[in-house]
């Protein structure tokens, strides 16, 4: 993969992870709860949220389902992505 392509993929992975975290926090869920709901390991969910793991499409599907959103919604990281609001403290 070219350096430019690798950088774009890395950026997308990080943005998807950030979106997953925002969705989880907006629902007041813990990492442990999302891991249990999705069937993914706690470490895997954490690594996805932190942009350190490029998940497989099946993992993203399970993560999306556990967060109550579609796969398309989880992966929507472009300028037209629906905003996720953080819960009020």
PDB file of N, CA and C in Angstrom:
ATOM      1  N   UNK A   1       0.844  -1.169   0.000  1.00  0.00           N
ATOM      2  CA  UNK A   1       0.000   0.000   0.000  1.00  0.00           C
ATOM      3  C   UNK A   1       0.892   1.236   0.000  1.00  0.00           C
ATOM      4  N   UNK A   2       0.547   2.223  -0.798  1.00  0.00           N
ATOM      5  CA  UNK A   2       1.303   3.466  -0.840  1.00  0.00           C
ATOM      6  C   UNK A   2       1.221   4.182   0.496  1.00  0.00           C
ATOM      7  N   UNK A   3       2.196   5.040   0.766  1.00  0.00           N
ATOM      8  CA  UNK A   3       2.177   5.806   2.010  1.00  0.00           C
ATOM      9  C   UNK A   3       0.916   6.631   2.140  1.00  0.00           C
ATOM     10  N   UNK A   4       0.474   7.275   1.067  1.00  0.00           N
ATOM     11  CA  UNK A   4      -0.738   8.082   1.102  1.00  0.00           C
ATOM     12  C   UNK A   4      -1.966   7.243   1.411  1.00  0.00           C
ATOM     13  N   UNK A   5      -2.051   6.082   0.809  1.00  0.00           N
ATOM     14  CA  UNK A   5      -3.176   5.180   1.061  1.00  0.00           C
ATOM     15  C   UNK A   5      -3.157   4.670   2.487  1.00  0.00           C
ATOM     16  N   UNK A   6      -1.993   4.313   2.969  1.00  0.00           N
ATOM     17  CA  UNK A   6      -1.868   3.818   4.341  1.00  0.00           C
ATOM     18  C   UNK A   6      -2.268   4.902   5.330  1.00  0.00           C
ATOM     19  N   UNK A   7      -1.878   6.126   5.068  1.00  0.00           N
ATOM     20  CA  UNK A   7      -2.221   7.238   5.956  1.00  0.00           C
ATOM     21  C   UNK A   7      -3.719   7.483   5.949  1.00  0.00           C
ATOM     22  N   UNK A   8      -4.355   7.369   4.786  1.00  0.00           N
ATOM     23  CA  UNK A   8      -5.813   7.559   4.706  1.00  0.00           C
ATOM     24  C   UNK A   8      -6.535   6.469   5.470  1.00  0.00           C
ATOM     25  N   UNK A   9      -6.094   5.228   5.325  1.00  0.00           N
ATOM     26  CA  UNK A   9      -6.711   4.121   6.049  1.00  0.00           C
ATOM     27  C   UNK A   9      -6.554   4.330   7.551  1.00  0.00           C
ATOM     28  N   UNK A  10      -5.371   4.714   7.973  1.00  0.00           N
ATOM     29  CA  UNK A  10      -5.119   4.959   9.396  1.00  0.00           C
ATOM     30  C   UNK A  10      -6.035   6.067   9.920  1.00  0.00           C
ATOM     31  N   UNK A  11      -6.209   7.108   9.135  1.00  0.00           N
ATOM     32  CA  UNK A  11      -7.073   8.216   9.535  1.00  0.00           C
ATOM     33  C   UNK A  11      -8.525   7.753   9.661  1.00  0.00           C
ATOM     34  N   UNK A  12      -8.977   6.942   8.726  1.00  0.00           N
ATOM     35  CA  UNK A  12     -10.347   6.421   8.768  1.00  0.00           C
ATOM     36  C   UNK A  12     -10.532   5.523   9.980  1.00  0.00           C
ATOM     37  N   UNK A  13      -9.567   4.650  10.243  1.00  0.00           N
ATOM     38  CA  UNK A  13      -9.634   3.751  11.399  1.00  0.00           C
ATOM     39  C   UNK A  13      -9.739   4.572  12.684  1.00  0.00           C
ATOM     40  N   UNK A  14      -8.977   5.638  12.783  1.00  0.00           N
ATOM     41  CA  UNK A  14      -9.028   6.484  13.974  1.00  0.00           C
ATOM     42  C   UNK A  14     -10.378   7.182  14.099  1.00  0.00           C
ATOM     43  N   UNK A  15     -10.918   7.673  12.984  1.00  0.00           N
ATOM     44  CA  UNK A  15     -12.211   8.366  13.043  1.00  0.00           C
ATOM     45  C   UNK A  15     -13.348   7.405  13.366  1.00  0.00           C
ATOM     46  N   UNK A  16     -13.297   6.190  12.839  1.00  0.00           N
ATOM     47  CA  UNK A  16     -14.320   5.196  13.174  1.00  0.00           C
ATOM     48  C   UNK A  16     -14.237   4.870  14.662  1.00  0.00           C
ATOM     49  N   UNK A  17     -13.029   4.731  15.181  1.00  0.00           N
ATOM     50  CA  UNK A  17     -12.857   4.475  16.607  1.00  0.00           C
ATOM     51  C   UNK A  17     -13.409   5.597  17.466  1.00  0.00           C
ATOM     52  N   UNK A  18     -13.136   6.834  17.064  1.00  0.00           N
ATOM     53  CA  UNK A  18     -13.661   7.988  17.801  1.00  0.00           C
ATOM     54  C   UNK A  18     -15.187   7.992  17.776  1.00  0.00           C
ATOM     55  N   UNK A  19     -15.743   7.649  16.622  1.00  0.00           N
ATOM     56  CA  UNK A  19     -17.209   7.613  16.495  1.00  0.00           C
ATOM     57  C   UNK A  19     -17.781   6.518  17.387  1.00  0.00           C
ATOM     58  N   UNK A  20     -17.144   5.362  17.412  1.00  0.00           N
ATOM     59  CA  UNK A  20     -17.611   4.268  18.271  1.00  0.00           C
ATOM     60  C   UNK A  20     -17.600   4.703  19.734  1.00  0.00           C
ATOM     61  N   UNK A  21     -16.527   5.373  20.150  1.00  0.00           N
ATOM     62  CA  UNK A  21     -16.441   5.840  21.538  1.00  0.00           C
ATOM     63  C   UNK A  21     -17.554   6.852  21.837  1.00  0.00           C
ATOM     64  N   UNK A  22     -17.775   7.803  20.932  1.00  0.00           N
ATOM     65  CA  UNK A  22     -18.829   8.799  21.151  1.00  0.00           C
ATOM     66  C   UNK A  22     -20.198   8.139  21.250  1.00  0.00           C
ATOM     67  N   UNK A  23     -20.449   7.169  20.383  1.00  0.00           N
ATOM     68  CA  UNK A  23     -21.731   6.456  20.430  1.00  0.00           C
ATOM     69  C   UNK A  23     -21.882   5.710  21.753  1.00  0.00           C
ATOM     70  N   UNK A  24     -20.815   5.063  22.189  1.00  0.00           N
ATOM     71  CA  UNK A  24     -20.862   4.316  23.450  1.00  0.00           C
ATOM     72  C   UNK A  24     -21.108   5.263  24.622  1.00  0.00           C
ATOM     73  N   UNK A  25     -20.353   6.340  24.671  1.00  0.00           N
ATOM     74  CA  UNK A  25     -20.488   7.281  25.773  1.00  0.00           C
ATOM     75  C   UNK A  25     -21.849   7.974  25.776  1.00  0.00           C
ATOM     76  N   UNK A  26     -22.375   8.260  24.594  1.00  0.00           N
ATOM     77  CA  UNK A  26     -23.685   8.901  24.495  1.00  0.00           C
ATOM     78  C   UNK A  26     -24.786   8.021  25.092  1.00  0.00           C
ATOM     79  N   UNK A  27     -24.549   6.718  25.092  1.00  0.00           N
ATOM     80  CA  UNK A  27     -25.521   5.772  25.650  1.00  0.00           C
ATOM     81  C   UNK A  27     -25.189   5.379  27.087  1.00  0.00           C
ATOM     82  N   UNK A  28     -24.104   5.911  27.595  1.00  0.00           N
ATOM     83  CA  UNK A  28     -23.713   5.601  28.964  1.00  0.00           C
ATOM     84  C   UNK A  28     -23.235   4.174  29.155  1.00  0.00           C
ATOM     85  N   UNK A  29     -22.680   3.593  28.095  1.00  0.00           N
ATOM     86  CA  UNK A  29     -22.204   2.210  28.158  1.00  0.00           C
ATOM     87  C   UNK A  29     -20.723   2.163  28.491  1.00  0.00           C
ATOM     88  N   UNK A  30     -20.320   1.122  29.169  1.00  0.00           N
ATOM     89  CA  UNK A  30     -18.901   0.899  29.442  1.00  0.00           C
ATOM     90  C   UNK A  30     -18.302   0.048  28.330  1.00  0.00           C
ATOM     91  N   UNK A  31     -16.983   0.042  28.281  1.00  0.00           N
ATOM     92  CA  UNK A  31     -16.297  -0.840  27.326  1.00  0.00           C
ATOM     93  C   UNK A  31     -16.713  -2.290  27.560  1.00  0.00           C
ATOM     94  N   UNK A  32     -16.785  -2.670  28.822  1.00  0.00           N
ATOM     95  CA  UNK A  32     -17.141  -4.044  29.182  1.00  0.00           C
ATOM     96  C   UNK A  32     -18.546  -4.403  28.662  1.00  0.00           C
ATOM     97  N   UNK A  33     -19.496  -3.470  28.774  1.00  0.00           N
ATOM     98  CA  UNK A  33     -20.857  -3.729  28.303  1.00  0.00           C
ATOM     99  C   UNK A  33     -20.891  -3.894  26.786  1.00  0.00           C
ATOM    100  N   UNK A  34     -20.168  -3.044  26.086  1.00  0.00           N
ATOM    101  CA  UNK A  34     -20.130  -3.144  24.619  1.00  0.00           C
ATOM    102  C   UNK A  34     -19.437  -4.434  24.197  1.00  0.00           C
ATOM    103  N   UNK A  35     -18.378  -4.791  24.887  1.00  0.00           N
ATOM    104  CA  UNK A  35     -17.689  -6.049  24.575  1.00  0.00           C
ATOM    105  C   UNK A  35     -18.634  -7.229  24.761  1.00  0.00           C
ATOM    106  N   UNK A  36     -19.376  -7.246  25.865  1.00  0.00           N
ATOM    107  CA  UNK A  36     -20.304  -8.350  26.126  1.00  0.00           C
ATOM    108  C   UNK A  36     -21.420  -8.388  25.088  1.00  0.00           C
ATOM    109  N   UNK A  37     -21.961  -7.239  24.745  1.00  0.00           N
ATOM    110  CA  UNK A  37     -23.048  -7.179  23.758  1.00  0.00           C
ATOM    111  C   UNK A  37     -22.593  -7.608  22.368  1.00  0.00           C
ATOM    112  N   UNK A  38     -21.357  -7.247  22.025  1.00  0.00           N
ATOM    113  CA  UNK A  38     -20.866  -7.499  20.669  1.00  0.00           C
ATOM    114  C   UNK A  38     -20.211  -8.863  20.513  1.00  0.00           C
ATOM    115  N   UNK A  39     -19.780  -9.444  21.635  1.00  0.00           N
ATOM    116  CA  UNK A  39     -19.042 -10.695  21.555  1.00  0.00           C
ATOM    117  C   UNK A  39     -17.574 -10.486  21.223  1.00  0.00           C
ATOM    118  N   UNK A  40     -17.147  -9.230  21.180  1.00  0.00           N
ATOM    119  CA  UNK A  40     -15.743  -8.918  20.945  1.00  0.00           C
ATOM    120  C   UNK A  40     -15.030  -8.860  22.284  1.00  0.00           C
ATOM    121  N   UNK A  41     -13.752  -9.062  22.274  1.00  0.00           N
ATOM    122  CA  UNK A  41     -12.985  -8.959  23.504  1.00  0.00           C
ATOM    123  C   UNK A  41     -12.894  -7.511  23.970  1.00  0.00           C
ATOM    124  N   UNK A  42     -12.755  -7.335  25.267  1.00  0.00           N
ATOM    125  CA  UNK A  42     -12.624  -6.005  25.842  1.00  0.00           C
ATOM    126  C   UNK A  42     -11.445  -5.261  25.217  1.00  0.00           C
ATOM    127  N   UNK A  43     -10.326  -5.949  25.061  1.00  0.00           N
ATOM    128  CA  UNK A  43      -9.148  -5.338  24.443  1.00  0.00           C
ATOM    129  C   UNK A  43      -9.394  -4.933  22.998  1.00  0.00           C
ATOM    130  N   UNK A  44     -10.138  -5.758  22.275  1.00  0.00           N
ATOM    131  CA  UNK A  44     -10.433  -5.452  20.870  1.00  0.00           C
ATOM    132  C   UNK A  44     -11.271  -4.186  20.760  1.00  0.00           C
ATOM    133  N   UNK A  45     -12.295  -4.068  21.603  1.00  0.00           N
ATOM    134  CA  UNK A  45     -13.147  -2.874  21.573  1.00  0.00           C
ATOM    135  C   UNK A  45     -12.316  -1.643  21.915  1.00  0.00           C
ATOM    136  N   UNK A  46     -11.482  -1.753  22.932  1.00  0.00           N
ATOM    137  CA  UNK A  46     -10.624  -0.643  23.336  1.00  0.00           C
ATOM    138  C   UNK A  46      -9.678  -0.246  22.204  1.00  0.00           C
ATOM    139  N   UNK A  47      -9.059  -1.222  21.570  1.00  0.00           N
ATOM    140  CA  UNK A  47      -8.122  -0.933  20.482  1.00  0.00           C
ATOM    141  C   UNK A  47      -8.830  -0.303  19.288  1.00  0.00           C
ATOM    142  N   UNK A  48     -10.052  -0.746  18.986  1.00  0.00           N
ATOM    143  CA  UNK A  48     -10.818  -0.136  17.895  1.00  0.00           C
ATOM    144  C   UNK A  48     -11.112   1.315  18.247  1.00  0.00           C
ATOM    145  N   UNK A  49     -11.602   1.564  19.456  1.00  0.00           N
ATOM    146  CA  UNK A  49     -11.926   2.927  19.874  1.00  0.00           C
ATOM    147  C   UNK A  49     -10.703   3.838  19.850  1.00  0.00           C
ATOM    148  N   UNK A  50      -9.559   3.304  20.160  1.00  0.00           N
ATOM    149  CA  UNK A  50      -8.331   4.104  20.191  1.00  0.00           C
ATOM    150  C   UNK A  50      -7.626   4.176  18.845  1.00  0.00           C
ATOM    151  N   UNK A  51      -8.244   3.600  17.800  1.00  0.00           N
ATOM    152  CA  UNK A  51      -7.667   3.657  16.466  1.00  0.00           C
ATOM    153  C   UNK A  51      -6.416   2.832  16.305  1.00  0.00           C
ATOM    154  N   UNK A  52      -6.231   1.863  17.192  1.00  0.00           N
ATOM    155  CA  UNK A  52      -5.027   1.026  17.144  1.00  0.00           C
ATOM    156  C   UNK A  52      -5.281  -0.313  16.454  1.00  0.00           C
ATOM    157  N   UNK A  53      -6.523  -0.579  16.118  1.00  0.00           N
ATOM    158  CA  UNK A  53      -6.858  -1.844  15.469  1.00  0.00           C
ATOM    159  C   UNK A  53      -7.785  -1.579  14.294  1.00  0.00           C
ATOM    160  N   UNK A  54      -7.396  -2.090  13.155  1.00  0.00           N
ATOM    161  CA  UNK A  54      -8.247  -2.045  11.973  1.00  0.00           C
ATOM    162  C   UNK A  54      -9.129  -3.290  12.026  1.00  0.00           C
ATOM    163  N   UNK A  55     -10.369  -3.091  12.435  1.00  0.00           N
ATOM    164  CA  UNK A  55     -11.276  -4.222  12.591  1.00  0.00           C
ATOM    165  C   UNK A  55     -11.683  -4.833  11.264  1.00  0.00           C
ATOM    166  N   UNK A  56     -12.092  -6.068  11.334  1.00  0.00           N
ATOM    167  CA  UNK A  56     -12.674  -6.719  10.154  1.00  0.00           C
ATOM    168  C   UNK A  56     -14.106  -6.248  10.035  1.00  0.00           C
ATOM    169  N   UNK A  57     -14.663  -6.372   8.860  1.00  0.00           N
ATOM    170  CA  UNK A  57     -16.018  -5.877   8.626  1.00  0.00           C
ATOM    171  C   UNK A  57     -17.010  -6.553   9.573  1.00  0.00           C
ATOM    172  N   UNK A  58     -16.816  -7.830   9.859  1.00  0.00           N
ATOM    173  CA  UNK A  58     -17.698  -8.533  10.793  1.00  0.00           C
ATOM    174  C   UNK A  58     -17.604  -7.962  12.199  1.00  0.00           C
ATOM    175  N   UNK A  59     -16.414  -7.574  12.602  1.00  0.00           N
ATOM    176  CA  UNK A  59     -16.228  -6.959  13.916  1.00  0.00           C
ATOM    177  C   UNK A  59     -16.916  -5.609  13.979  1.00  0.00           C
ATOM    178  N   UNK A  60     -16.784  -4.823  12.910  1.00  0.00           N
ATOM    179  CA  UNK A  60     -17.461  -3.525  12.876  1.00  0.00           C
ATOM    180  C   UNK A  60     -18.977  -3.711  12.889  1.00  0.00           C
ATOM    181  N   UNK A  61     -19.465  -4.734  12.204  1.00  0.00           N
ATOM    182  CA  UNK A  61     -20.907  -5.010  12.192  1.00  0.00           C
ATOM    183  C   UNK A  61     -21.395  -5.348  13.600  1.00  0.00           C
ATOM    184  N   UNK A  62     -20.667  -6.200  14.294  1.00  0.00           N
ATOM    185  CA  UNK A  62     -21.051  -6.580  15.664  1.00  0.00           C
ATOM    186  C   UNK A  62     -20.959  -5.391  16.603  1.00  0.00           C
ATOM    187  N   UNK A  63     -19.942  -4.563  16.425  1.00  0.00           N
ATOM    188  CA  UNK A  63     -19.790  -3.372  17.248  1.00  0.00           C
ATOM    189  C   UNK A  63     -20.952  -2.409  16.997  1.00  0.00           C
ATOM    190  N   UNK A  64     -21.269  -2.184  15.737  1.00  0.00           N
ATOM    191  CA  UNK A  64     -22.392  -1.300  15.394  1.00  0.00           C
ATOM    192  C   UNK A  64     -23.685  -1.803  16.013  1.00  0.00           C
ATOM    193  N   UNK A  65     -23.947  -3.087  15.866  1.00  0.00           N
ATOM    194  CA  UNK A  65     -25.167  -3.673  16.423  1.00  0.00           C
ATOM    195  C   UNK A  65     -25.228  -3.485  17.934  1.00  0.00           C
ATOM    196  N   UNK A  66     -24.108  -3.664  18.613  1.00  0.00           N
ATOM    197  CA  UNK A  66     -24.079  -3.519  20.068  1.00  0.00           C
ATOM    198  C   UNK A  66     -24.331  -2.069  20.487  1.00  0.00           C
ATOM    199  N   UNK A  67     -24.075  -1.136  19.579  1.00  0.00           N
ATOM    200  CA  UNK A  67     -24.299   0.281  19.854  1.00  0.00           C
ATOM    201  C   UNK A  67     -25.653   0.763  19.333  1.00  0.00           C
ATOM    202  N   UNK A  68     -26.406  -0.153  18.732  1.00  0.00           N
ATOM    203  CA  UNK A  68     -27.744   0.184  18.254  1.00  0.00           C
ATOM    204  C   UNK A  68     -27.763   1.037  17.003  1.00  0.00           C
ATOM    205  N   UNK A  69     -26.718   0.936  16.194  1.00  0.00           N
ATOM    206  CA  UNK A  69     -26.658   1.686  14.939  1.00  0.00           C
ATOM    207  C   UNK A  69     -26.351   0.723  13.802  1.00  0.00           C
ATOM    208  N   UNK A  70     -26.539   1.192  12.594  1.00  0.00           N
ATOM    209  CA  UNK A  70     -26.199   0.373  11.439  1.00  0.00           C
ATOM    210  C   UNK A  70     -24.697   0.438  11.190  1.00  0.00           C
ATOM    211  N   UNK A  71     -24.226  -0.526  10.443  1.00  0.00           N
ATOM    212  CA  UNK A  71     -22.815  -0.523  10.057  1.00  0.00           C
ATOM    213  C   UNK A  71     -22.503   0.758   9.283  1.00  0.00           C
ATOM    214  N   UNK A  72     -23.394   1.147   8.390  1.00  0.00           N
ATOM    215  CA  UNK A  72     -23.184   2.368   7.603  1.00  0.00           C
ATOM    216  C   UNK A  72     -23.051   3.586   8.507  1.00  0.00           C
ATOM    217  N   UNK A  73     -23.846   3.648   9.550  1.00  0.00           N
ATOM    218  CA  UNK A  73     -23.780   4.775  10.476  1.00  0.00           C
ATOM    219  C   UNK A  73     -22.453   4.786  11.226  1.00  0.00           C
ATOM    220  N   UNK A  74     -22.007   3.631  11.681  1.00  0.00           N
ATOM    221  CA  UNK A  74     -20.724   3.561  12.390  1.00  0.00           C
ATOM    222  C   UNK A  74     -19.578   3.999  11.488  1.00  0.00           C
ATOM    223  N   UNK A  75     -19.631   3.586  10.236  1.00  0.00           N
ATOM    224  CA  UNK A  75     -18.535   3.879   9.309  1.00  0.00           C
ATOM    225  C   UNK A  75     -18.651   5.240   8.655  1.00  0.00           C
ATOM    226  N   UNK A  76     -19.728   5.978   8.907  1.00  0.00           N
ATOM    227  CA  UNK A  76     -19.923   7.310   8.318  1.00  0.00           C
ATOM    228  C   UNK A  76     -19.037   8.316   9.029  1.00  0.00           C
ATOM    229  N   UNK A  77     -17.905   8.572   8.453  1.00  0.00           N
ATOM    230  CA  UNK A  77     -16.947   9.468   9.091  1.00  0.00           C
ATOM    231  C   UNK A  77     -16.665  10.702   8.238  1.00  0.00           C
ATOM    232  N   UNK A  78     -17.325  10.810   7.110  1.00  0.00           N
ATOM    233  CA  UNK A  78     -17.081  11.940   6.223  1.00  0.00           C
ATOM    234  C   UNK A  78     -17.831  13.186   6.662  1.00  0.00           C
ATOM    235  N   UNK A  79     -17.818  14.206   5.819  1.00  0.00           N
ATOM    236  CA  UNK A  79     -18.451  15.479   6.177  1.00  0.00           C
ATOM    237  C   UNK A  79     -19.974  15.391   6.320  1.00  0.00           C
ATOM    238  N   UNK A  80     -20.578  14.342   5.781  1.00  0.00           N
ATOM    239  CA  UNK A  80     -22.032  14.204   5.864  1.00  0.00           C
ATOM    240  C   UNK A  80     -22.476  13.273   6.984  1.00  0.00           C
ATOM    241  N   UNK A  81     -21.555  12.818   7.795  1.00  0.00           N
ATOM    242  CA  UNK A  81     -21.886  11.915   8.901  1.00  0.00           C
ATOM    243  C   UNK A  81     -22.740  12.649   9.924  1.00  0.00           C
ATOM    244  N   UNK A  82     -23.739  11.941  10.436  1.00  0.00           N
ATOM    245  CA  UNK A  82     -24.602  12.504  11.465  1.00  0.00           C
ATOM    246  C   UNK A  82     -23.780  12.722  12.729  1.00  0.00           C
ATOM    247  N   UNK A  83     -23.948  13.868  13.329  1.00  0.00           N
ATOM    248  CA  UNK A  83     -23.182  14.198  14.531  1.00  0.00           C
ATOM    249  C   UNK A  83     -23.677  13.388  15.718  1.00  0.00           C
ATOM    250  N   UNK A  84     -22.744  12.977  16.553  1.00  0.00           N
ATOM    251  CA  UNK A  84     -23.058  12.285  17.795  1.00  0.00           C
ATOM    252  C   UNK A  84     -22.738  13.259  18.919  1.00  0.00           C
ATOM    253  N   UNK A  85     -23.688  13.472  19.782  1.00  0.00           N
ATOM    254  CA  UNK A  85     -23.483  14.411  20.888  1.00  0.00           C
ATOM    255  C   UNK A  85     -23.058  13.666  22.140  1.00  0.00           C
ATOM    256  N   UNK A  86     -22.117  14.254  22.847  1.00  0.00           N
ATOM    257  CA  UNK A  86     -21.690  13.704  24.134  1.00  0.00           C
ATOM    258  C   UNK A  86     -22.804  13.939  25.151  1.00  0.00           C
ATOM    259  N   UNK A  87     -22.973  13.005  26.069  1.00  0.00           N
ATOM    260  CA  UNK A  87     -23.991  13.213  27.109  1.00  0.00           C
ATOM    261  C   UNK A  87     -23.599  14.384  28.014  1.00  0.00           C
ATOM    262  N   UNK A  88     -24.604  15.066  28.529  1.00  0.00           N
ATOM    263  CA  UNK A  88     -24.338  16.175  29.453  1.00  0.00           C
ATOM    264  C   UNK A  88     -23.750  15.620  30.742  1.00  0.00           C
ATOM    265  N   UNK A  89     -22.787  16.318  31.265  1.00  0.00           N
ATOM    266  CA  UNK A  89     -22.113  15.837  32.485  1.00  0.00           C
ATOM    267  C   UNK A  89     -22.939  16.127  33.721  1.00  0.00           C
TER     268      UNK A  89
END
